[in-house]
Amino acid sequence: MDTLPQYQAIFEIVMLIPRGRVCSYGVIAKYAGPGITARIVGRAMSASHNLAVPAHRVVNSQGKLTGKMHFETATRMQELLEAEGVRIKKDKVVDFAKCFWSPDELI
């Protein structure tokens, strides 16, 4: 499958994540379409930094900032989330269940 349409579907979902909320790679993959995995979502996020995609709002299924190494600095992902009111402790979202957003909220 061509990666450009896959990435576009992923980016469209990530653009829906509200400020101050986060979503996981796996949930995004589920809604982005058949054949898209959490790993593909991760690749798309690391390729998105020159685009207006809020990649900082995508975390792993436990709320960990596993994509932080793809930002300009090791703390940039955390800084962006904290600027939106998301609390982070030891590279993990505090109150993850409360901050978690799913495309189900749009239905």
PDB file of N, CA and C in Angstrom:
ATOM      1  N   MET A   1       0.839  -1.187   0.000  1.00  0.00           N
ATOM      2  CA  MET A   1       0.000   0.000   0.000  1.00  0.00           C
ATOM      3  C   MET A   1       0.883   1.251   0.000  1.00  0.00           C
ATOM      4  N   ASP A   2       0.534   2.227  -0.793  1.00  0.00           N
ATOM      5  CA  ASP A   2       1.273   3.482  -0.892  1.00  0.00           C
ATOM      6  C   ASP A   2       1.194   4.231   0.434  1.00  0.00           C
ATOM      7  N   THR A   3       2.317   4.734   0.913  1.00  0.00           N
ATOM      8  CA  THR A   3       2.331   5.383   2.230  1.00  0.00           C
ATOM      9  C   THR A   3       1.685   6.764   2.240  1.00  0.00           C
ATOM     10  N   LEU A   4       1.701   7.486   1.128  1.00  0.00           N
ATOM     11  CA  LEU A   4       1.132   8.828   1.137  1.00  0.00           C
ATOM     12  C   LEU A   4      -0.350   8.839   1.510  1.00  0.00           C
ATOM     13  N   PRO A   5      -1.210   8.018   0.885  1.00  0.00           N
ATOM     14  CA  PRO A   5      -2.616   7.995   1.319  1.00  0.00           C
ATOM     15  C   PRO A   5      -2.771   7.529   2.768  1.00  0.00           C
ATOM     16  N   GLN A   6      -1.939   6.572   3.193  1.00  0.00           N
ATOM     17  CA  GLN A   6      -1.983   6.114   4.587  1.00  0.00           C
ATOM     18  C   GLN A   6      -1.670   7.274   5.515  1.00  0.00           C
ATOM     19  N   TYR A   7      -0.600   7.985   5.239  1.00  0.00           N
ATOM     20  CA  TYR A   7      -0.199   9.096   6.089  1.00  0.00           C
ATOM     21  C   TYR A   7      -1.264  10.181   6.093  1.00  0.00           C
ATOM     22  N   GLN A   8      -1.874  10.448   4.947  1.00  0.00           N
ATOM     23  CA  GLN A   8      -2.910  11.481   4.881  1.00  0.00           C
ATOM     24  C   GLN A   8      -4.084  11.118   5.790  1.00  0.00           C
ATOM     25  N   ALA A   9      -4.505   9.856   5.766  1.00  0.00           N
ATOM     26  CA  ALA A   9      -5.608   9.403   6.632  1.00  0.00           C
ATOM     27  C   ALA A   9      -5.224   9.559   8.101  1.00  0.00           C
ATOM     28  N   ILE A  10      -3.998   9.235   8.425  1.00  0.00           N
ATOM     29  CA  ILE A  10      -3.499   9.370   9.807  1.00  0.00           C
ATOM     30  C   ILE A  10      -3.477  10.840  10.212  1.00  0.00           C
ATOM     31  N   PHE A  11      -2.921  11.699   9.351  1.00  0.00           N
ATOM     32  CA  PHE A  11      -2.833  13.127   9.657  1.00  0.00           C
ATOM     33  C   PHE A  11      -4.213  13.727   9.882  1.00  0.00           C
ATOM     34  N   GLU A  12      -5.195  13.307   9.089  1.00  0.00           N
ATOM     35  CA  GLU A  12      -6.547  13.843   9.246  1.00  0.00           C
ATOM     36  C   GLU A  12      -7.116  13.522  10.623  1.00  0.00           C
ATOM     37  N   ILE A  13      -6.845  12.335  11.128  1.00  0.00           N
ATOM     38  CA  ILE A  13      -7.326  11.963  12.461  1.00  0.00           C
ATOM     39  C   ILE A  13      -6.569  12.753  13.537  1.00  0.00           C
ATOM     40  N   VAL A  14      -5.257  12.832  13.408  1.00  0.00           N
ATOM     41  CA  VAL A  14      -4.449  13.547  14.403  1.00  0.00           C
ATOM     42  C   VAL A  14      -4.863  15.022  14.475  1.00  0.00           C
ATOM     43  N   MET A  15      -5.227  15.596  13.347  1.00  0.00           N
ATOM     44  CA  MET A  15      -5.663  16.999  13.337  1.00  0.00           C
ATOM     45  C   MET A  15      -6.952  17.205  14.137  1.00  0.00           C
ATOM     46  N   LEU A  16      -7.698  16.145  14.375  1.00  0.00           N
ATOM     47  CA  LEU A  16      -8.949  16.234  15.137  1.00  0.00           C
ATOM     48  C   LEU A  16      -8.747  16.195  16.654  1.00  0.00           C
ATOM     49  N   ILE A  17      -7.566  15.761  17.097  1.00  0.00           N
ATOM     50  CA  ILE A  17      -7.317  15.654  18.539  1.00  0.00           C
ATOM     51  C   ILE A  17      -7.330  17.060  19.136  1.00  0.00           C
ATOM     52  N   PRO A  18      -8.232  17.315  20.085  1.00  0.00           N
ATOM     53  CA  PRO A  18      -8.325  18.672  20.659  1.00  0.00           C
ATOM     54  C   PRO A  18      -7.103  19.049  21.498  1.00  0.00           C
ATOM     55  N   ARG A  19      -6.871  20.346  21.613  1.00  0.00           N
ATOM     56  CA  ARG A  19      -5.827  20.854  22.523  1.00  0.00           C
ATOM     57  C   ARG A  19      -6.065  20.285  23.909  1.00  0.00           C
ATOM     58  N   GLY A  20      -4.987  19.913  24.572  1.00  0.00           N
ATOM     59  CA  GLY A  20      -5.100  19.411  25.936  1.00  0.00           C
ATOM     60  C   GLY A  20      -5.540  17.967  26.042  1.00  0.00           C
ATOM     61  N   ARG A  21      -5.600  17.277  24.914  1.00  0.00           N
ATOM     62  CA  ARG A  21      -6.002  15.867  24.895  1.00  0.00           C
ATOM     63  C   ARG A  21      -4.937  15.076  24.141  1.00  0.00           C
ATOM     64  N   VAL A  22      -4.932  13.763  24.329  1.00  0.00           N
ATOM     65  CA  VAL A  22      -3.993  12.883  23.628  1.00  0.00           C
ATOM     66  C   VAL A  22      -4.733  11.666  23.086  1.00  0.00           C
ATOM     67  N   CYS A  23      -4.120  11.011  22.126  1.00  0.00           N
ATOM     68  CA  CYS A  23      -4.657   9.778  21.566  1.00  0.00           C
ATOM     69  C   CYS A  23      -3.478   8.822  21.367  1.00  0.00           C
ATOM     70  N   SER A  24      -3.764   7.542  21.224  1.00  0.00           N
ATOM     71  CA  SER A  24      -2.687   6.562  21.070  1.00  0.00           C
ATOM     72  C   SER A  24      -2.490   6.168  19.614  1.00  0.00           C
ATOM     73  N   TYR A  25      -1.310   5.672  19.334  1.00  0.00           N
ATOM     74  CA  TYR A  25      -0.973   5.189  17.997  1.00  0.00           C
ATOM     75  C   TYR A  25      -1.976   4.122  17.541  1.00  0.00           C
ATOM     76  N   GLY A  26      -2.287   3.197  18.432  1.00  0.00           N
ATOM     77  CA  GLY A  26      -3.180   2.092  18.091  1.00  0.00           C
ATOM     78  C   GLY A  26      -4.594   2.531  17.754  1.00  0.00           C
ATOM     79  N   VAL A  27      -5.133   3.472  18.512  1.00  0.00           N
ATOM     80  CA  VAL A  27      -6.492   3.963  18.241  1.00  0.00           C
ATOM     81  C   VAL A  27      -6.515   4.709  16.911  1.00  0.00           C
ATOM     82  N   ILE A  28      -5.502   5.504  16.663  1.00  0.00           N
ATOM     83  CA  ILE A  28      -5.435   6.209  15.386  1.00  0.00           C
ATOM     84  C   ILE A  28      -5.370   5.199  14.243  1.00  0.00           C
ATOM     85  N   ALA A  29      -4.565   4.163  14.399  1.00  0.00           N
ATOM     86  CA  ALA A  29      -4.448   3.128  13.366  1.00  0.00           C
ATOM     87  C   ALA A  29      -5.797   2.465  13.100  1.00  0.00           C
ATOM     88  N   LYS A  30      -6.527   2.187  14.150  1.00  0.00           N
ATOM     89  CA  LYS A  30      -7.841   1.538  14.024  1.00  0.00           C
ATOM     90  C   LYS A  30      -8.784   2.358  13.147  1.00  0.00           C
ATOM     91  N   TYR A  31      -8.765   3.663  13.312  1.00  0.00           N
ATOM     92  CA  TYR A  31      -9.677   4.536  12.577  1.00  0.00           C
ATOM     93  C   TYR A  31      -9.141   4.994  11.222  1.00  0.00           C
ATOM     94  N   ALA A  32      -7.832   4.869  11.004  1.00  0.00           N
ATOM     95  CA  ALA A  32      -7.226   5.363   9.762  1.00  0.00           C
ATOM     96  C   ALA A  32      -7.480   4.442   8.572  1.00  0.00           C
ATOM     97  N   GLY A  33      -7.762   3.182   8.843  1.00  0.00           N
ATOM     98  CA  GLY A  33      -8.101   2.301   7.730  1.00  0.00           C
ATOM     99  C   GLY A  33      -7.411   0.956   7.785  1.00  0.00           C
ATOM    100  N   PRO A  34      -7.883   0.031   6.957  1.00  0.00           N
ATOM    101  CA  PRO A  34      -7.320  -1.316   6.940  1.00  0.00           C
ATOM    102  C   PRO A  34      -5.835  -1.300   6.554  1.00  0.00           C
ATOM    103  N   GLY A  35      -5.081  -2.142   7.200  1.00  0.00           N
ATOM    104  CA  GLY A  35      -3.664  -2.258   6.904  1.00  0.00           C
ATOM    105  C   GLY A  35      -2.791  -1.244   7.619  1.00  0.00           C
ATOM    106  N   ILE A  36      -3.391  -0.303   8.315  1.00  0.00           N
ATOM    107  CA  ILE A  36      -2.603   0.694   9.043  1.00  0.00           C
ATOM    108  C   ILE A  36      -2.406   0.197  10.470  1.00  0.00           C
ATOM    109  N   THR A  37      -1.168   0.142  10.885  1.00  0.00           N
ATOM    110  CA  THR A  37      -0.814  -0.340  12.213  1.00  0.00           C
ATOM    111  C   THR A  37      -0.286   0.816  13.071  1.00  0.00           C
ATOM    112  N   ALA A  38      -0.162   0.553  14.356  1.00  0.00           N
ATOM    113  CA  ALA A  38       0.396   1.561  15.267  1.00  0.00           C
ATOM    114  C   ALA A  38       1.803   1.955  14.819  1.00  0.00           C
ATOM    115  N   ARG A  39       2.563   1.013  14.312  1.00  0.00           N
ATOM    116  CA  ARG A  39       3.925   1.300  13.841  1.00  0.00           C
ATOM    117  C   ARG A  39       3.904   2.291  12.663  1.00  0.00           C
ATOM    118  N   ILE A  40       2.947   2.110  11.765  1.00  0.00           N
ATOM    119  CA  ILE A  40       2.812   3.031  10.627  1.00  0.00           C
ATOM    120  C   ILE A  40       2.426   4.422  11.123  1.00  0.00           C
ATOM    121  N   VAL A  41       1.557   4.479  12.117  1.00  0.00           N
ATOM    122  CA  VAL A  41       1.187   5.772  12.699  1.00  0.00           C
ATOM    123  C   VAL A  41       2.436   6.445  13.279  1.00  0.00           C
ATOM    124  N   GLY A  42       3.262   5.680  13.955  1.00  0.00           N
ATOM    125  CA  GLY A  42       4.507   6.224  14.505  1.00  0.00           C
ATOM    126  C   GLY A  42       5.411   6.784  13.416  1.00  0.00           C
ATOM    127  N   ARG A  43       5.531   6.070  12.316  1.00  0.00           N
ATOM    128  CA  ARG A  43       6.350   6.556  11.199  1.00  0.00           C
ATOM    129  C   ARG A  43       5.764   7.849  10.629  1.00  0.00           C
ATOM    130  N   ALA A  44       4.450   7.884  10.516  1.00  0.00           N
ATOM    131  CA  ALA A  44       3.792   9.090   9.997  1.00  0.00           C
ATOM    132  C   ALA A  44       4.047  10.280  10.928  1.00  0.00           C
ATOM    133  N   MET A  45       3.997  10.044  12.241  1.00  0.00           N
ATOM    134  CA  MET A  45       4.235  11.137  13.187  1.00  0.00           C
ATOM    135  C   MET A  45       5.668  11.644  13.076  1.00  0.00           C
ATOM    136  N   SER A  46       6.631  10.757  12.906  1.00  0.00           N
ATOM    137  CA  SER A  46       8.012  11.219  12.791  1.00  0.00           C
ATOM    138  C   SER A  46       8.257  11.922  11.459  1.00  0.00           C
ATOM    139  N   ALA A  47       7.405  11.682  10.470  1.00  0.00           N
ATOM    140  CA  ALA A  47       7.524  12.353   9.168  1.00  0.00           C
ATOM    141  C   ALA A  47       6.707  13.646   9.114  1.00  0.00           C
ATOM    142  N   SER A  48       5.990  13.972  10.173  1.00  0.00           N
ATOM    143  CA  SER A  48       5.037  15.086  10.128  1.00  0.00           C
ATOM    144  C   SER A  48       5.565  16.411  10.652  1.00  0.00           C
ATOM    145  N   HIS A  49       6.781  16.455  11.117  1.00  0.00           N
ATOM    146  CA  HIS A  49       7.241  17.633  11.852  1.00  0.00           C
ATOM    147  C   HIS A  49       7.381  18.910  11.031  1.00  0.00           C
ATOM    148  N   ASN A  50       7.402  18.818   9.729  1.00  0.00           N
ATOM    149  CA  ASN A  50       7.430  20.032   8.918  1.00  0.00           C
ATOM    150  C   ASN A  50       6.026  20.417   8.462  1.00  0.00           C
ATOM    151  N   LEU A  51       5.043  19.686   8.955  1.00  0.00           N
ATOM    152  CA  LEU A  51       3.645  19.942   8.626  1.00  0.00           C
ATOM    153  C   LEU A  51       2.938  20.480   9.866  1.00  0.00           C
ATOM    154  N   ALA A  52       1.744  20.981   9.692  1.00  0.00           N
ATOM    155  CA  ALA A  52       0.972  21.505  10.828  1.00  0.00           C
ATOM    156  C   ALA A  52       0.158  20.384  11.474  1.00  0.00           C
ATOM    157  N   VAL A  53       0.831  19.307  11.833  1.00  0.00           N
ATOM    158  CA  VAL A  53       0.183  18.151  12.459  1.00  0.00           C
ATOM    159  C   VAL A  53       0.618  18.113  13.924  1.00  0.00           C
ATOM    160  N   PRO A  54      -0.332  18.081  14.869  1.00  0.00           N
ATOM    161  CA  PRO A  54       0.032  18.079  16.292  1.00  0.00           C
ATOM    162  C   PRO A  54       0.506  16.702  16.776  1.00  0.00           C
ATOM    163  N   ALA A  55       1.650  16.278  16.270  1.00  0.00           N
ATOM    164  CA  ALA A  55       2.198  14.956  16.591  1.00  0.00           C
ATOM    165  C   ALA A  55       2.462  14.781  18.085  1.00  0.00           C
ATOM    166  N   HIS A  56       2.641  15.886  18.799  1.00  0.00           N
ATOM    167  CA  HIS A  56       2.907  15.809  20.239  1.00  0.00           C
ATOM    168  C   HIS A  56       1.720  15.226  21.003  1.00  0.00           C
ATOM    169  N   ARG A  57       0.549  15.211  20.401  1.00  0.00           N
ATOM    170  CA  ARG A  57      -0.654  14.685  21.056  1.00  0.00           C
ATOM    171  C   ARG A  57      -0.823  13.178  20.876  1.00  0.00           C
ATOM    172  N   VAL A  58       0.147  12.528  20.242  1.00  0.00           N
ATOM    173  CA  VAL A  58       0.071  11.082  20.006  1.00  0.00           C
ATOM    174  C   VAL A  58       1.073  10.380  20.926  1.00  0.00           C
ATOM    175  N   VAL A  59       0.548   9.510  21.771  1.00  0.00           N
ATOM    176  CA  VAL A  59       1.354   8.795  22.774  1.00  0.00           C
ATOM    177  C   VAL A  59       1.080   7.294  22.660  1.00  0.00           C
ATOM    178  N   ASN A  60       1.801   6.498  23.435  1.00  0.00           N
ATOM    179  CA  ASN A  60       1.519   5.069  23.369  1.00  0.00           C
ATOM    180  C   ASN A  60       0.293   4.717  24.219  1.00  0.00           C
ATOM    181  N   SER A  61      -0.090   3.463  24.209  1.00  0.00           N
ATOM    182  CA  SER A  61      -1.340   3.040  24.860  1.00  0.00           C
ATOM    183  C   SER A  61      -1.322   3.165  26.378  1.00  0.00           C
ATOM    184  N   GLN A  62      -0.159   3.406  26.970  1.00  0.00           N
ATOM    185  CA  GLN A  62      -0.072   3.642  28.412  1.00  0.00           C
ATOM    186  C   GLN A  62       0.111   5.126  28.734  1.00  0.00           C
ATOM    187  N   GLY A  63       0.114   5.956  27.704  1.00  0.00           N
ATOM    188  CA  GLY A  63       0.288   7.385  27.916  1.00  0.00           C
ATOM    189  C   GLY A  63       1.734   7.840  27.944  1.00  0.00           C
ATOM    190  N   LYS A  64       2.652   6.991  27.541  1.00  0.00           N
ATOM    191  CA  LYS A  64       4.074   7.349  27.547  1.00  0.00           C
ATOM    192  C   LYS A  64       4.448   8.131  26.291  1.00  0.00           C
ATOM    193  N   LEU A  65       5.374   9.049  26.455  1.00  0.00           N
ATOM    194  CA  LEU A  65       5.834   9.893  25.356  1.00  0.00           C
ATOM    195  C   LEU A  65       6.909   9.175  24.551  1.00  0.00           C
ATOM    196  N   THR A  66       6.540   8.072  23.940  1.00  0.00           N
ATOM    197  CA  THR A  66       7.510   7.242  23.231  1.00  0.00           C
ATOM    198  C   THR A  66       8.037   7.882  21.954  1.00  0.00           C
ATOM    199  N   GLY A  67       7.363   8.890  21.434  1.00  0.00           N
ATOM    200  CA  GLY A  67       7.822   9.557  20.215  1.00  0.00           C
ATOM    201  C   GLY A  67       8.677  10.780  20.460  1.00  0.00           C
ATOM    202  N   LYS A  68       9.037  11.032  21.713  1.00  0.00           N
ATOM    203  CA  LYS A  68       9.739  12.273  22.056  1.00  0.00           C
ATOM    204  C   LYS A  68      11.080  12.444  21.352  1.00  0.00           C
ATOM    205  N   MET A  69      11.711  11.341  20.967  1.00  0.00           N
ATOM    206  CA  MET A  69      13.021  11.440  20.330  1.00  0.00           C
ATOM    207  C   MET A  69      12.947  12.006  18.913  1.00  0.00           C
ATOM    208  N   HIS A  70      11.739  12.117  18.370  1.00  0.00           N
ATOM    209  CA  HIS A  70      11.577  12.642  17.014  1.00  0.00           C
ATOM    210  C   HIS A  70      11.329  14.154  16.984  1.00  0.00           C
ATOM    211  N   PHE A  71      11.367  14.784  18.159  1.00  0.00           N
ATOM    212  CA  PHE A  71      11.178  16.234  18.243  1.00  0.00           C
ATOM    213  C   PHE A  71      12.541  16.922  18.284  1.00  0.00           C
ATOM    214  N   GLU A  72      12.538  18.248  18.132  1.00  0.00           N
ATOM    215  CA  GLU A  72      13.785  19.011  18.064  1.00  0.00           C
ATOM    216  C   GLU A  72      14.690  18.764  19.266  1.00  0.00           C
ATOM    217  N   THR A  73      14.088  18.655  20.448  1.00  0.00           N
ATOM    218  CA  THR A  73      14.855  18.374  21.665  1.00  0.00           C
ATOM    219  C   THR A  73      14.155  17.244  22.425  1.00  0.00           C
ATOM    220  N   ALA A  74      14.839  16.670  23.376  1.00  0.00           N
ATOM    221  CA  ALA A  74      14.283  15.560  24.156  1.00  0.00           C
ATOM    222  C   ALA A  74      13.094  15.974  25.016  1.00  0.00           C
ATOM    223  N   THR A  75      12.938  17.274  25.259  1.00  0.00           N
ATOM    224  CA  THR A  75      11.847  17.743  26.120  1.00  0.00           C
ATOM    225  C   THR A  75      10.739  18.469  25.350  1.00  0.00           C
ATOM    226  N   ARG A  76      10.899  18.638  24.048  1.00  0.00           N
ATOM    227  CA  ARG A  76       9.942  19.443  23.278  1.00  0.00           C
ATOM    228  C   ARG A  76       8.523  18.876  23.289  1.00  0.00           C
ATOM    229  N   MET A  77       8.367  17.575  23.167  1.00  0.00           N
ATOM    230  CA  MET A  77       7.030  16.964  23.173  1.00  0.00           C
ATOM    231  C   MET A  77       6.331  17.275  24.499  1.00  0.00           C
ATOM    232  N   GLN A  78       7.049  17.092  25.593  1.00  0.00           N
ATOM    233  CA  GLN A  78       6.498  17.388  26.914  1.00  0.00           C
ATOM    234  C   GLN A  78       6.149  18.868  27.034  1.00  0.00           C
ATOM    235  N   GLU A  79       7.012  19.726  26.571  1.00  0.00           N
ATOM    236  CA  GLU A  79       6.760  21.173  26.646  1.00  0.00           C
ATOM    237  C   GLU A  79       5.477  21.555  25.901  1.00  0.00           C
ATOM    238  N   LEU A  80       5.289  20.989  24.715  1.00  0.00           N
ATOM    239  CA  LEU A  80       4.092  21.288  23.925  1.00  0.00           C
ATOM    240  C   LEU A  80       2.828  20.805  24.631  1.00  0.00           C
ATOM    241  N   LEU A  81       2.878  19.611  25.194  1.00  0.00           N
ATOM    242  CA  LEU A  81       1.714  19.080  25.915  1.00  0.00           C
ATOM    243  C   LEU A  81       1.420  19.906  27.162  1.00  0.00           C
ATOM    244  N   GLU A  82       2.461  20.237  27.909  1.00  0.00           N
ATOM    245  CA  GLU A  82       2.258  21.033  29.128  1.00  0.00           C
ATOM    246  C   GLU A  82       1.703  22.417  28.801  1.00  0.00           C
ATOM    247  N   ALA A  83       2.096  22.985  27.667  1.00  0.00           N
ATOM    248  CA  ALA A  83       1.573  24.290  27.255  1.00  0.00           C
ATOM    249  C   ALA A  83       0.069  24.217  26.977  1.00  0.00           C
ATOM    250  N   GLU A  84      -0.430  23.003  26.723  1.00  0.00           N
ATOM    251  CA  GLU A  84      -1.861  22.788  26.488  1.00  0.00           C
ATOM    252  C   GLU A  84      -2.582  22.328  27.752  1.00  0.00           C
ATOM    253  N   GLY A  85      -1.861  22.255  28.860  1.00  0.00           N
ATOM    254  CA  GLY A  85      -2.477  21.873  30.124  1.00  0.00           C
ATOM    255  C   GLY A  85      -2.402  20.398  30.465  1.00  0.00           C
ATOM    256  N   VAL A  86      -1.676  19.618  29.665  1.00  0.00           N
ATOM    257  CA  VAL A  86      -1.513  18.184  29.952  1.00  0.00           C
ATOM    258  C   VAL A  86      -0.334  18.036  30.904  1.00  0.00           C
ATOM    259  N   ARG A  87      -0.578  17.376  32.027  1.00  0.00           N
ATOM    260  CA  ARG A  87       0.494  17.167  33.011  1.00  0.00           C
ATOM    261  C   ARG A  87       1.278  15.918  32.650  1.00  0.00           C
ATOM    262  N   ILE A  88       2.603  16.023  32.750  1.00  0.00           N
ATOM    263  CA  ILE A  88       3.513  14.926  32.423  1.00  0.00           C
ATOM    264  C   ILE A  88       4.405  14.665  33.627  1.00  0.00           C
ATOM    265  N   LYS A  89       4.583  13.406  33.948  1.00  0.00           N
ATOM    266  CA  LYS A  89       5.516  13.029  35.016  1.00  0.00           C
ATOM    267  C   LYS A  89       6.278  11.795  34.552  1.00  0.00           C
ATOM    268  N   LYS A  90       7.603  11.890  34.571  1.00  0.00           N
ATOM    269  CA  LYS A  90       8.469  10.793  34.144  1.00  0.00           C
ATOM    270  C   LYS A  90       8.093  10.282  32.752  1.00  0.00           C
ATOM    271  N   ASP A  91       7.940  11.221  31.818  1.00  0.00           N
ATOM    272  CA  ASP A  91       7.629  10.917  30.412  1.00  0.00           C
ATOM    273  C   ASP A  91       6.300  10.195  30.216  1.00  0.00           C
ATOM    274  N   LYS A  92       5.348  10.442  31.101  1.00  0.00           N
ATOM    275  CA  LYS A  92       4.040   9.800  31.004  1.00  0.00           C
ATOM    276  C   LYS A  92       2.937  10.812  31.328  1.00  0.00           C
ATOM    277  N   VAL A  93       1.821  10.716  30.605  1.00  0.00           N
ATOM    278  CA  VAL A  93       0.689  11.609  30.835  1.00  0.00           C
ATOM    279  C   VAL A  93       0.041  11.263  32.175  1.00  0.00           C
ATOM    280  N   VAL A  94      -0.087  12.272  33.026  1.00  0.00           N
ATOM    281  CA  VAL A  94      -0.780  12.119  34.307  1.00  0.00           C
ATOM    282  C   VAL A  94      -2.275  12.177  33.995  1.00  0.00           C
ATOM    283  N   ASP A  95      -3.077  11.367  34.680  1.00  0.00           N
ATOM    284  CA  ASP A  95      -4.515  11.301  34.409  1.00  0.00           C
ATOM    285  C   ASP A  95      -4.782  10.951  32.947  1.00  0.00           C
ATOM    286  N   PHE A  96      -4.076   9.947  32.461  1.00  0.00           N
ATOM    287  CA  PHE A  96      -4.159   9.542  31.055  1.00  0.00           C
ATOM    288  C   PHE A  96      -5.599   9.291  30.614  1.00  0.00           C
ATOM    289  N   ALA A  97      -6.376   8.568  31.407  1.00  0.00           N
ATOM    290  CA  ALA A  97      -7.762   8.261  31.023  1.00  0.00           C
ATOM    291  C   ALA A  97      -8.578   9.541  30.853  1.00  0.00           C
ATOM    292  N   LYS A  98      -8.318  10.520  31.681  1.00  0.00           N
ATOM    293  CA  LYS A  98      -9.054  11.787  31.609  1.00  0.00           C
ATOM    294  C   LYS A  98      -8.640  12.603  30.376  1.00  0.00           C
ATOM    295  N   CYS A  99      -7.375  12.522  30.006  1.00  0.00           N
ATOM    296  CA  CYS A  99      -6.856  13.280  28.861  1.00  0.00           C
ATOM    297  C   CYS A  99      -7.067  12.567  27.529  1.00  0.00           C
ATOM    298  N   PHE A 100      -7.388  11.285  27.592  1.00  0.00           N
ATOM    299  CA  PHE A 100      -7.470  10.489  26.366  1.00  0.00           C
ATOM    300  C   PHE A 100      -8.660  10.906  25.508  1.00  0.00           C
ATOM    301  N   TRP A 101      -8.400  11.017  24.215  1.00  0.00           N
ATOM    302  CA  TRP A 101      -9.447  11.353  23.239  1.00  0.00           C
ATOM    303  C   TRP A 101      -9.527  10.227  22.210  1.00  0.00           C
ATOM    304  N   SER A 102     -10.725   9.932  21.784  1.00  0.00           N
ATOM    305  CA  SER A 102     -10.933   8.924  20.746  1.00  0.00           C
ATOM    306  C   SER A 102     -11.859   9.507  19.672  1.00  0.00           C
ATOM    307  N   PRO A 103     -11.668   9.100  18.424  1.00  0.00           N
ATOM    308  CA  PRO A 103     -12.596   9.525  17.372  1.00  0.00           C
ATOM    309  C   PRO A 103     -14.048   9.129  17.671  1.00  0.00           C
ATOM    310  N   ASP A 104     -14.246   8.195  18.579  1.00  0.00           N
ATOM    311  CA  ASP A 104     -15.617   7.833  18.993  1.00  0.00           C
ATOM    312  C   ASP A 104     -16.375   9.049  19.517  1.00  0.00           C
ATOM    313  N   GLU A 105     -15.661  10.014  20.078  1.00  0.00           N
ATOM    314  CA  GLU A 105     -16.303  11.211  20.624  1.00  0.00           C
ATOM    315  C   GLU A 105     -16.993  12.040  19.543  1.00  0.00           C
ATOM    316  N   LEU A 106     -16.623  11.811  18.299  1.00  0.00           N
ATOM    317  CA  LEU A 106     -17.214  12.559  17.187  1.00  0.00           C
ATOM    318  C   LEU A 106     -18.497  11.924  16.668  1.00  0.00           C
ATOM    319  N   ILE A 107     -18.719  10.680  17.073  1.00  0.00           N
ATOM    320  CA  ILE A 107     -19.882   9.933  16.566  1.00  0.00           C
ATOM    321  C   ILE A 107     -21.112  10.205  17.407  1.00  0.00           C
TER     322      ILE A 107
END
